PDB file of all heavy atoms in Angstrom:
ATOM      1  N   SER A   1     -97.983 208.372  37.312  1.00  0.00           N
ATOM      2  CA  SER A   1     -98.726 207.894  38.475  1.00  0.00           C
ATOM      3  C   SER A   1    -100.097 207.323  38.116  1.00  0.00           C
ATOM      4  O   SER A   1    -100.639 207.596  37.044  1.00  0.00           O
ATOM      5  CB  SER A   1     -98.886 209.034  39.492  1.00  0.00           C
ATOM      6  OG  SER A   1     -99.580 210.111  38.915  1.00  0.00           O
ATOM      7  N   GLY A   2    -100.624 206.547  39.041  1.00  0.00           N
ATOM      8  CA  GLY A   2    -101.868 205.824  38.817  1.00  0.00           C
ATOM      9  C   GLY A   2    -103.097 206.595  39.223  1.00  0.00           C
ATOM     10  O   GLY A   2    -103.062 207.461  40.097  1.00  0.00           O
ATOM     11  N   ARG A   3    -104.217 206.261  38.577  1.00  0.00           N
ATOM     12  CA  ARG A   3    -105.532 206.796  38.899  1.00  0.00           C
ATOM     13  C   ARG A   3    -106.494 205.621  39.036  1.00  0.00           C
ATOM     14  O   ARG A   3    -106.265 204.546  38.462  1.00  0.00           O
ATOM     15  CB  ARG A   3    -106.041 207.745  37.808  1.00  0.00           C
ATOM     16  CG  ARG A   3    -105.162 208.965  37.545  1.00  0.00           C
ATOM     17  CD  ARG A   3    -105.208 209.929  38.728  1.00  0.00           C
ATOM     18  NE  ARG A   3    -104.468 211.164  38.441  1.00  0.00           N
ATOM     19  CZ  ARG A   3    -103.166 211.322  38.622  1.00  0.00           C
ATOM     20  NH1 ARG A   3    -102.435 210.298  39.057  1.00  0.00           N
ATOM     21  NH2 ARG A   3    -102.578 212.478  38.379  1.00  0.00           N
ATOM     22  N   VAL A   4    -107.591 205.827  39.755  1.00  0.00           N
ATOM     23  CA  VAL A   4    -108.562 204.763  39.972  1.00  0.00           C
ATOM     24  C   VAL A   4    -109.101 204.193  38.651  1.00  0.00           C
ATOM     25  O   VAL A   4    -109.236 202.966  38.526  1.00  0.00           O
ATOM     26  CB  VAL A   4    -109.702 205.252  40.882  1.00  0.00           C
ATOM     27  CG1 VAL A   4    -110.871 204.268  40.873  1.00  0.00           C
ATOM     28  CG2 VAL A   4    -109.191 205.424  42.317  1.00  0.00           C
ATOM     29  N   PRO A   5    -109.433 205.011  37.625  1.00  0.00           N
ATOM     30  CA  PRO A   5    -109.933 204.406  36.376  1.00  0.00           C
ATOM     31  C   PRO A   5    -108.958 203.425  35.744  1.00  0.00           C
ATOM     32  O   PRO A   5    -109.367 202.431  35.133  1.00  0.00           O
ATOM     33  CB  PRO A   5    -110.161 205.628  35.473  1.00  0.00           C
ATOM     34  CG  PRO A   5    -110.368 206.759  36.401  1.00  0.00           C
ATOM     35  CD  PRO A   5    -109.477 206.486  37.574  1.00  0.00           C
ATOM     36  N   MET A   6    -107.656 203.670  35.885  1.00  0.00           N
ATOM     37  CA  MET A   6    -106.662 202.746  35.332  1.00  0.00           C
ATOM     38  C   MET A   6    -106.616 201.456  36.143  1.00  0.00           C
ATOM     39  O   MET A   6    -106.461 200.362  35.586  1.00  0.00           O
ATOM     40  CB  MET A   6    -105.299 203.426  35.307  1.00  0.00           C
ATOM     41  CG  MET A   6    -105.285 204.710  34.495  1.00  0.00           C
ATOM     42  SD  MET A   6    -103.962 205.812  35.028  1.00  0.00           S
ATOM     43  CE  MET A   6    -104.320 207.264  34.031  1.00  0.00           C
ATOM     44  N   ALA A   7    -106.760 201.594  37.462  1.00  0.00           N
ATOM     45  CA  ALA A   7    -106.834 200.397  38.302  1.00  0.00           C
ATOM     46  C   ALA A   7    -108.032 199.549  37.905  1.00  0.00           C
ATOM     47  O   ALA A   7    -107.969 198.311  37.884  1.00  0.00           O
ATOM     48  CB  ALA A   7    -106.933 200.804  39.772  1.00  0.00           C
ATOM     49  N   SER A   8    -109.139 200.212  37.583  1.00  0.00           N
ATOM     50  CA  SER A   8    -110.344 199.497  37.166  1.00  0.00           C
ATOM     51  C   SER A   8    -110.113 198.724  35.866  1.00  0.00           C
ATOM     52  O   SER A   8    -110.534 197.566  35.737  1.00  0.00           O
ATOM     53  CB  SER A   8    -111.495 200.487  36.999  1.00  0.00           C
ATOM     54  OG  SER A   8    -112.660 199.847  36.529  1.00  0.00           O
ATOM     55  N   LEU A   9    -109.444 199.345  34.898  1.00  0.00           N
ATOM     56  CA  LEU A   9    -109.178 198.651  33.632  1.00  0.00           C
ATOM     57  C   LEU A   9    -108.294 197.427  33.852  1.00  0.00           C
ATOM     58  O   LEU A   9    -108.447 196.411  33.175  1.00  0.00           O
ATOM     59  CB  LEU A   9    -108.516 199.622  32.648  1.00  0.00           C
ATOM     60  CG  LEU A   9    -109.388 200.793  32.165  1.00  0.00           C
ATOM     61  CD1 LEU A   9    -108.563 201.731  31.293  1.00  0.00           C
ATOM     62  CD2 LEU A   9    -110.613 200.300  31.413  1.00  0.00           C
ATOM     63  N   ARG A  10    -107.367 197.515  34.787  1.00  0.00           N
ATOM     64  CA  ARG A  10    -106.503 196.380  35.089  1.00  0.00           C
ATOM     65  C   ARG A  10    -107.284 195.126  35.437  1.00  0.00           C
ATOM     66  O   ARG A  10    -106.900 193.999  35.092  1.00  0.00           O
ATOM     67  CB  ARG A  10    -105.577 196.753  36.265  1.00  0.00           C
ATOM     68  CG  ARG A  10    -104.527 195.692  36.579  1.00  0.00           C
ATOM     69  CD  ARG A  10    -104.258 195.568  38.065  1.00  0.00           C
ATOM     70  NE  ARG A  10    -105.257 194.763  38.731  1.00  0.00           N
ATOM     71  CZ  ARG A  10    -105.235 193.421  38.809  1.00  0.00           C
ATOM     72  NH1 ARG A  10    -104.272 192.731  38.235  1.00  0.00           N
ATOM     73  NH2 ARG A  10    -106.193 192.769  39.449  1.00  0.00           N
ATOM     74  N   GLU A  11    -108.409 195.329  36.125  1.00  0.00           N
ATOM     75  CA  GLU A  11    -109.190 194.200  36.603  1.00  0.00           C
ATOM     76  C   GLU A  11    -109.766 193.353  35.471  1.00  0.00           C
ATOM     77  O   GLU A  11    -110.012 192.160  35.649  1.00  0.00           O
ATOM     78  CB  GLU A  11    -110.340 194.691  37.492  1.00  0.00           C
ATOM     79  CG  GLU A  11    -109.901 195.441  38.741  1.00  0.00           C
ATOM     80  CD  GLU A  11    -109.109 194.569  39.697  1.00  0.00           C
ATOM     81  OE1 GLU A  11    -109.506 193.407  39.899  1.00  0.00           O
ATOM     82  OE2 GLU A  11    -108.109 195.051  40.244  1.00  0.00           O
ATOM     83  N   ILE A  12    -110.006 193.954  34.309  1.00  0.00           N
ATOM     84  CA  ILE A  12    -110.622 193.218  33.197  1.00  0.00           C
ATOM     85  C   ILE A  12    -109.766 192.043  32.799  1.00  0.00           C
ATOM     86  O   ILE A  12    -110.266 190.946  32.537  1.00  0.00           O
ATOM     87  CB  ILE A  12    -110.849 194.154  31.989  1.00  0.00           C
ATOM     88  CG1 ILE A  12    -111.763 195.313  32.371  1.00  0.00           C
ATOM     89  CG2 ILE A  12    -111.421 193.374  30.803  1.00  0.00           C
ATOM     90  CD1 ILE A  12    -111.873 196.385  31.296  1.00  0.00           C
ATOM     91  N   TRP A  13    -108.446 192.254  32.758  1.00  0.00           N
ATOM     92  CA  TRP A  13    -107.535 191.205  32.278  1.00  0.00           C
ATOM     93  C   TRP A  13    -106.691 190.615  33.399  1.00  0.00           C
ATOM     94  O   TRP A  13    -105.868 189.746  33.142  1.00  0.00           O
ATOM     95  CB  TRP A  13    -106.626 191.775  31.195  1.00  0.00           C
ATOM     96  CG  TRP A  13    -107.386 192.185  29.978  1.00  0.00           C
ATOM     97  CD1 TRP A  13    -107.849 191.365  28.970  1.00  0.00           C
ATOM     98  CD2 TRP A  13    -107.821 193.507  29.629  1.00  0.00           C
ATOM     99  NE1 TRP A  13    -108.525 192.103  28.034  1.00  0.00           N
ATOM    100  CE2 TRP A  13    -108.534 193.421  28.406  1.00  0.00           C
ATOM    101  CE3 TRP A  13    -107.687 194.750  30.225  1.00  0.00           C
ATOM    102  CZ2 TRP A  13    -109.095 194.528  27.776  1.00  0.00           C
ATOM    103  CZ3 TRP A  13    -108.247 195.859  29.607  1.00  0.00           C
ATOM    104  CH2 TRP A  13    -108.942 195.753  28.397  1.00  0.00           C
ATOM    105  N   ASP A  14    -106.875 191.108  34.638  1.00  0.00           N
ATOM    106  CA  ASP A  14    -106.055 190.656  35.760  1.00  0.00           C
ATOM    107  C   ASP A  14    -104.574 190.791  35.413  1.00  0.00           C
ATOM    108  O   ASP A  14    -103.767 189.900  35.668  1.00  0.00           O
ATOM    109  CB  ASP A  14    -106.393 189.201  36.125  1.00  0.00           C
ATOM    110  CG  ASP A  14    -105.833 188.811  37.486  1.00  0.00           C
ATOM    111  OD1 ASP A  14    -105.538 189.715  38.286  1.00  0.00           O
ATOM    112  OD2 ASP A  14    -105.683 187.600  37.740  1.00  0.00           O
ATOM    113  N   SER A  15    -104.241 191.917  34.814  1.00  0.00           N
ATOM    114  CA  SER A  15    -102.872 192.145  34.346  1.00  0.00           C
ATOM    115  C   SER A  15    -101.987 192.638  35.481  1.00  0.00           C
ATOM    116  O   SER A  15    -102.462 193.051  36.547  1.00  0.00           O
ATOM    117  CB  SER A  15    -102.877 193.200  33.229  1.00  0.00           C
ATOM    118  OG  SER A  15    -103.226 194.479  33.754  1.00  0.00           O
ATOM    119  N   ALA A  16    -100.671 192.605  35.246  1.00  0.00           N
ATOM    120  CA  ALA A  16     -99.784 193.407  36.079  1.00  0.00           C
ATOM    121  C   ALA A  16    -100.096 194.870  35.771  1.00  0.00           C
ATOM    122  O   ALA A  16    -100.544 195.197  34.674  1.00  0.00           O
ATOM    123  CB  ALA A  16     -98.335 193.081  35.755  1.00  0.00           C
ATOM    124  N   TRP A  17     -99.868 195.739  36.747  1.00  0.00           N
ATOM    125  CA  TRP A  17    -100.125 197.172  36.518  1.00  0.00           C
ATOM    126  C   TRP A  17     -98.905 197.957  36.970  1.00  0.00           C
ATOM    127  O   TRP A  17     -98.516 197.901  38.131  1.00  0.00           O
ATOM    128  CB  TRP A  17    -101.373 197.623  37.277  1.00  0.00           C
ATOM    129  CG  TRP A  17    -101.697 199.080  37.069  1.00  0.00           C
ATOM    130  CD1 TRP A  17    -101.446 199.822  35.952  1.00  0.00           C
ATOM    131  CD2 TRP A  17    -102.301 199.962  38.014  1.00  0.00           C
ATOM    132  NE1 TRP A  17    -101.866 201.115  36.135  1.00  0.00           N
ATOM    133  CE2 TRP A  17    -102.404 201.235  37.390  1.00  0.00           C
ATOM    134  CE3 TRP A  17    -102.784 199.820  39.314  1.00  0.00           C
ATOM    135  CZ2 TRP A  17    -102.951 202.339  38.027  1.00  0.00           C
ATOM    136  CZ3 TRP A  17    -103.342 200.916  39.943  1.00  0.00           C
ATOM    137  CH2 TRP A  17    -103.435 202.160  39.309  1.00  0.00           C
ATOM    138  N   VAL A  18     -98.302 198.675  36.029  1.00  0.00           N
ATOM    139  CA  VAL A  18     -97.080 199.428  36.281  1.00  0.00           C
ATOM    140  C   VAL A  18     -97.417 200.909  36.397  1.00  0.00           C
ATOM    141  O   VAL A  18     -98.002 201.489  35.481  1.00  0.00           O
ATOM    142  CB  VAL A  18     -96.064 199.212  35.140  1.00  0.00           C
ATOM    143  CG1 VAL A  18     -94.817 200.062  35.370  1.00  0.00           C
ATOM    144  CG2 VAL A  18     -95.696 197.732  35.016  1.00  0.00           C
ATOM    145  N   PHE A  19     -97.035 201.536  37.503  1.00  0.00           N
ATOM    146  CA  PHE A  19     -97.267 202.956  37.683  1.00  0.00           C
ATOM    147  C   PHE A  19     -96.172 203.528  38.577  1.00  0.00           C
ATOM    148  O   PHE A  19     -95.493 202.801  39.304  1.00  0.00           O
ATOM    149  CB  PHE A  19     -98.662 203.236  38.263  1.00  0.00           C
ATOM    150  CG  PHE A  19     -99.006 202.476  39.526  1.00  0.00           C
ATOM    151  CD1 PHE A  19     -99.077 203.130  40.753  1.00  0.00           C
ATOM    152  CD2 PHE A  19     -99.292 201.108  39.490  1.00  0.00           C
ATOM    153  CE1 PHE A  19     -99.432 202.439  41.914  1.00  0.00           C
ATOM    154  CE2 PHE A  19     -99.630 200.407  40.646  1.00  0.00           C
ATOM    155  CZ  PHE A  19     -99.698 201.080  41.864  1.00  0.00           C
ATOM    156  N   TYR A  20     -95.967 204.827  38.497  1.00  0.00           N
ATOM    157  CA  TYR A  20     -94.896 205.477  39.246  1.00  0.00           C
ATOM    158  C   TYR A  20     -95.516 206.568  40.119  1.00  0.00           C
ATOM    159  O   TYR A  20     -95.726 207.685  39.697  1.00  0.00           O
ATOM    160  CB  TYR A  20     -93.870 206.065  38.284  1.00  0.00           C
ATOM    161  CG  TYR A  20     -92.622 206.549  38.974  1.00  0.00           C
ATOM    162  CD1 TYR A  20     -91.659 205.643  39.402  1.00  0.00           C
ATOM    163  CD2 TYR A  20     -92.426 207.905  39.226  1.00  0.00           C
ATOM    164  CE1 TYR A  20     -90.518 206.082  40.050  1.00  0.00           C
ATOM    165  CE2 TYR A  20     -91.281 208.344  39.877  1.00  0.00           C
ATOM    166  CZ  TYR A  20     -90.329 207.427  40.287  1.00  0.00           C
ATOM    167  OH  TYR A  20     -89.208 207.858  40.941  1.00  0.00           O
ATOM    168  N   GLY A  21     -95.850 206.194  41.350  1.00  0.00           N
ATOM    169  CA  GLY A  21     -96.636 207.046  42.224  1.00  0.00           C
ATOM    170  C   GLY A  21     -98.112 206.810  41.982  1.00  0.00           C
ATOM    171  O   GLY A  21     -98.509 206.156  41.019  1.00  0.00           O
ATOM    172  N   TRP A  22     -98.937 207.312  42.877  1.00  0.00           N
ATOM    173  CA  TRP A  22    -100.370 207.095  42.718  1.00  0.00           C
ATOM    174  C   TRP A  22    -101.131 208.242  43.378  1.00  0.00           C
ATOM    175  O   TRP A  22    -100.635 208.925  44.272  1.00  0.00           O
ATOM    176  CB  TRP A  22    -100.800 205.756  43.312  1.00  0.00           C
ATOM    177  CG  TRP A  22    -100.640 205.613  44.797  1.00  0.00           C
ATOM    178  CD1 TRP A  22    -101.599 205.806  45.758  1.00  0.00           C
ATOM    179  CD2 TRP A  22     -99.462 205.225  45.506  1.00  0.00           C
ATOM    180  NE1 TRP A  22    -101.090 205.563  47.012  1.00  0.00           N
ATOM    181  CE2 TRP A  22     -99.774 205.207  46.892  1.00  0.00           C
ATOM    182  CE3 TRP A  22     -98.161 204.890  45.122  1.00  0.00           C
ATOM    183  CZ2 TRP A  22     -98.848 204.864  47.868  1.00  0.00           C
ATOM    184  CZ3 TRP A  22     -97.238 204.565  46.087  1.00  0.00           C
ATOM    185  CH2 TRP A  22     -97.587 204.545  47.447  1.00  0.00           C
ATOM    186  N   GLN A  23    -102.359 208.439  42.910  1.00  0.00           N
ATOM    187  CA  GLN A  23    -103.168 209.538  43.426  1.00  0.00           C
ATOM    188  C   GLN A  23    -103.800 209.173  44.757  1.00  0.00           C
ATOM    189  O   GLN A  23    -104.299 208.072  44.946  1.00  0.00           O
ATOM    190  CB  GLN A  23    -104.254 209.929  42.425  1.00  0.00           C
ATOM    191  CG  GLN A  23    -105.004 211.181  42.835  1.00  0.00           C
ATOM    192  CD  GLN A  23    -105.892 211.712  41.743  1.00  0.00           C
ATOM    193  OE1 GLN A  23    -106.705 210.986  41.198  1.00  0.00           O
ATOM    194  NE2 GLN A  23    -105.747 212.991  41.408  1.00  0.00           N
ATOM    195  N   ASN A  24    -103.753 210.136  45.664  1.00  0.00           N
ATOM    196  CA  ASN A  24    -104.363 209.972  46.965  1.00  0.00           C
ATOM    197  C   ASN A  24    -104.783 211.356  47.453  1.00  0.00           C
ATOM    198  O   ASN A  24    -104.255 212.359  46.981  1.00  0.00           O
ATOM    199  CB  ASN A  24    -103.365 209.346  47.949  1.00  0.00           C
ATOM    200  CG  ASN A  24    -104.040 208.451  48.959  1.00  0.00           C
ATOM    201  OD1 ASN A  24    -105.152 208.727  49.371  1.00  0.00           O
ATOM    202  ND2 ASN A  24    -103.356 207.389  49.355  1.00  0.00           N
ATOM    203  N   THR A  25    -105.728 211.427  48.344  1.00  0.00           N
ATOM    204  CA  THR A  25    -106.100 212.720  48.903  1.00  0.00           C
ATOM    205  C   THR A  25    -105.129 213.091  50.009  1.00  0.00           C
ATOM    206  O   THR A  25    -104.612 212.229  50.711  1.00  0.00           O
ATOM    207  CB  THR A  25    -107.529 212.690  49.449  1.00  0.00           C
ATOM    208  OG1 THR A  25    -107.673 211.547  50.293  1.00  0.00           O
ATOM    209  CG2 THR A  25    -108.534 212.605  48.329  1.00  0.00           C
ATOM    210  N   VAL A  26    -104.895 214.351  50.143  1.00  0.00           N
ATOM    211  CA  VAL A  26    -103.921 214.817  51.131  1.00  0.00           C
ATOM    212  C   VAL A  26    -104.438 214.624  52.551  1.00  0.00           C
ATOM    213  O   VAL A  26    -103.705 214.265  53.457  1.00  0.00           O
ATOM    214  CB  VAL A  26    -103.592 216.305  50.885  1.00  0.00           C
ATOM    215  CG1 VAL A  26    -102.667 216.834  51.975  1.00  0.00           C
ATOM    216  CG2 VAL A  26    -102.974 216.488  49.511  1.00  0.00           C
ATOM    217  N   VAL A  27    -105.748 214.846  52.748  1.00  0.00           N
ATOM    218  CA  VAL A  27    -106.298 214.840  54.103  1.00  0.00           C
ATOM    219  C   VAL A  27    -107.152 213.600  54.362  1.00  0.00           C
ATOM    220  O   VAL A  27    -106.888 212.826  55.283  1.00  0.00           O
ATOM    221  CB  VAL A  27    -107.133 216.112  54.354  1.00  0.00           C
ATOM    222  CG1 VAL A  27    -107.715 216.084  55.764  1.00  0.00           C
ATOM    223  CG2 VAL A  27    -106.270 217.353  54.155  1.00  0.00           C
ATOM    224  N   ASN A  28    -108.175 213.413  53.557  1.00  0.00           N
ATOM    225  CA  ASN A  28    -109.169 212.367  53.838  1.00  0.00           C
ATOM    226  C   ASN A  28    -108.839 211.070  53.119  1.00  0.00           C
ATOM    227  O   ASN A  28    -109.087 210.942  51.927  1.00  0.00           O
ATOM    228  CB  ASN A  28    -110.560 212.852  53.422  1.00  0.00           C
ATOM    229  CG  ASN A  28    -110.987 214.088  54.202  1.00  0.00           C
ATOM    230  OD1 ASN A  28    -110.793 214.142  55.409  1.00  0.00           O
ATOM    231  ND2 ASN A  28    -111.550 215.063  53.515  1.00  0.00           N
ATOM    232  N   ALA A  29    -108.267 210.148  53.812  1.00  0.00           N
ATOM    233  CA  ALA A  29    -107.979 208.845  53.216  1.00  0.00           C
ATOM    234  C   ALA A  29    -109.265 208.026  53.127  1.00  0.00           C
ATOM    235  O   ALA A  29    -110.220 208.261  53.851  1.00  0.00           O
ATOM    236  CB  ALA A  29    -106.936 208.108  54.040  1.00  0.00           C
ATOM    237  N   GLY A  30    -109.254 207.064  52.238  1.00  0.00           N
ATOM    238  CA  GLY A  30    -110.383 206.154  52.140  1.00  0.00           C
ATOM    239  C   GLY A  30    -111.441 206.562  51.141  1.00  0.00           C
ATOM    240  O   GLY A  30    -112.522 205.979  51.118  1.00  0.00           O
ATOM    241  N   LEU A  31    -111.162 207.553  50.281  1.00  0.00           N
ATOM    242  CA  LEU A  31    -112.112 207.956  49.251  1.00  0.00           C
ATOM    243  C   LEU A  31    -111.933 207.037  48.048  1.00  0.00           C
ATOM    244  O   LEU A  31    -110.999 207.198  47.264  1.00  0.00           O
ATOM    245  CB  LEU A  31    -111.885 209.425  48.859  1.00  0.00           C
ATOM    246  CG  LEU A  31    -112.153 210.439  49.983  1.00  0.00           C
ATOM    247  CD1 LEU A  31    -111.758 211.835  49.538  1.00  0.00           C
ATOM    248  CD2 LEU A  31    -113.622 210.412  50.384  1.00  0.00           C
ATOM    249  N   LEU A  32    -112.834 206.084  47.887  1.00  0.00           N
ATOM    250  CA  LEU A  32    -112.633 205.029  46.901  1.00  0.00           C
ATOM    251  C   LEU A  32    -112.635 205.539  45.466  1.00  0.00           C
ATOM    252  O   LEU A  32    -112.066 204.900  44.588  1.00  0.00           O
ATOM    253  CB  LEU A  32    -113.705 203.951  47.075  1.00  0.00           C
ATOM    254  CG  LEU A  32    -113.663 203.203  48.414  1.00  0.00           C
ATOM    255  CD1 LEU A  32    -114.814 202.216  48.494  1.00  0.00           C
ATOM    256  CD2 LEU A  32    -112.336 202.491  48.609  1.00  0.00           C
ATOM    257  N   VAL A  33    -113.270 206.671  45.204  1.00  0.00           N
ATOM    258  CA  VAL A  33    -113.300 207.179  43.838  1.00  0.00           C
ATOM    259  C   VAL A  33    -112.011 207.910  43.482  1.00  0.00           C
ATOM    260  O   VAL A  33    -111.772 208.222  42.318  1.00  0.00           O
ATOM    261  CB  VAL A  33    -114.499 208.122  43.608  1.00  0.00           C
ATOM    262  CG1 VAL A  33    -115.797 207.361  43.743  1.00  0.00           C
ATOM    263  CG2 VAL A  33    -114.458 209.310  44.560  1.00  0.00           C
ATOM    264  N   VAL A  34    -111.166 208.182  44.479  1.00  0.00           N
ATOM    265  CA  VAL A  34    -109.938 208.941  44.249  1.00  0.00           C
ATOM    266  C   VAL A  34    -108.701 208.191  44.728  1.00  0.00           C
ATOM    267  O   VAL A  34    -107.691 208.118  44.028  1.00  0.00           O
ATOM    268  CB  VAL A  34    -110.006 210.319  44.941  1.00  0.00           C
ATOM    269  CG1 VAL A  34    -108.669 211.050  44.825  1.00  0.00           C
ATOM    270  CG2 VAL A  34    -111.119 211.162  44.330  1.00  0.00           C
ATOM    271  N   ASP A  35    -108.745 207.647  45.939  1.00  0.00           N
ATOM    272  CA  ASP A  35    -107.554 207.042  46.529  1.00  0.00           C
ATOM    273  C   ASP A  35    -107.268 205.673  45.916  1.00  0.00           C
ATOM    274  O   ASP A  35    -108.015 204.712  46.132  1.00  0.00           O
ATOM    275  CB  ASP A  35    -107.745 206.884  48.041  1.00  0.00           C
ATOM    276  CG  ASP A  35    -107.896 208.225  48.744  1.00  0.00           C
ATOM    277  OD1 ASP A  35    -107.589 209.250  48.110  1.00  0.00           O
ATOM    278  OD2 ASP A  35    -108.323 208.238  49.912  1.00  0.00           O
ATOM    279  N   VAL A  36    -106.177 205.596  45.193  1.00  0.00           N
ATOM    280  CA  VAL A  36    -105.843 204.352  44.493  1.00  0.00           C
ATOM    281  C   VAL A  36    -105.588 203.224  45.476  1.00  0.00           C
ATOM    282  O   VAL A  36    -106.042 202.086  45.276  1.00  0.00           O
ATOM    283  CB  VAL A  36    -104.621 204.559  43.583  1.00  0.00           C
ATOM    284  CG1 VAL A  36    -104.147 203.233  42.983  1.00  0.00           C
ATOM    285  CG2 VAL A  36    -104.940 205.550  42.468  1.00  0.00           C
ATOM    286  N   ASP A  37    -104.871 203.512  46.565  1.00  0.00           N
ATOM    287  CA  ASP A  37    -104.564 202.426  47.507  1.00  0.00           C
ATOM    288  C   ASP A  37    -105.820 201.945  48.227  1.00  0.00           C
ATOM    289  O   ASP A  37    -106.020 200.745  48.424  1.00  0.00           O
ATOM    290  CB  ASP A  37    -103.477 202.844  48.501  1.00  0.00           C
ATOM    291  CG  ASP A  37    -103.724 204.202  49.132  1.00  0.00           C
ATOM    292  OD1 ASP A  37    -104.748 204.843  48.816  1.00  0.00           O
ATOM    293  OD2 ASP A  37    -102.879 204.634  49.944  1.00  0.00           O
ATOM    294  N   SER A  38    -106.711 202.867  48.591  1.00  0.00           N
ATOM    295  CA  SER A  38    -107.964 202.457  49.246  1.00  0.00           C
ATOM    296  C   SER A  38    -108.796 201.601  48.297  1.00  0.00           C
ATOM    297  O   SER A  38    -109.379 200.586  48.701  1.00  0.00           O
ATOM    298  CB  SER A  38    -108.766 203.691  49.674  1.00  0.00           C
ATOM    299  OG  SER A  38    -108.055 204.444  50.626  1.00  0.00           O
TER     300      SER A  38
END
């Protein structure tokens, strides 16, 4: 699964990013330091 730091590295090369599931908070959505989709 994906984490925000890996999403950040993707941006350097504008690469495709392959991951299987992603980290998110159970209750509070929209936490940019944790929620990969946000």
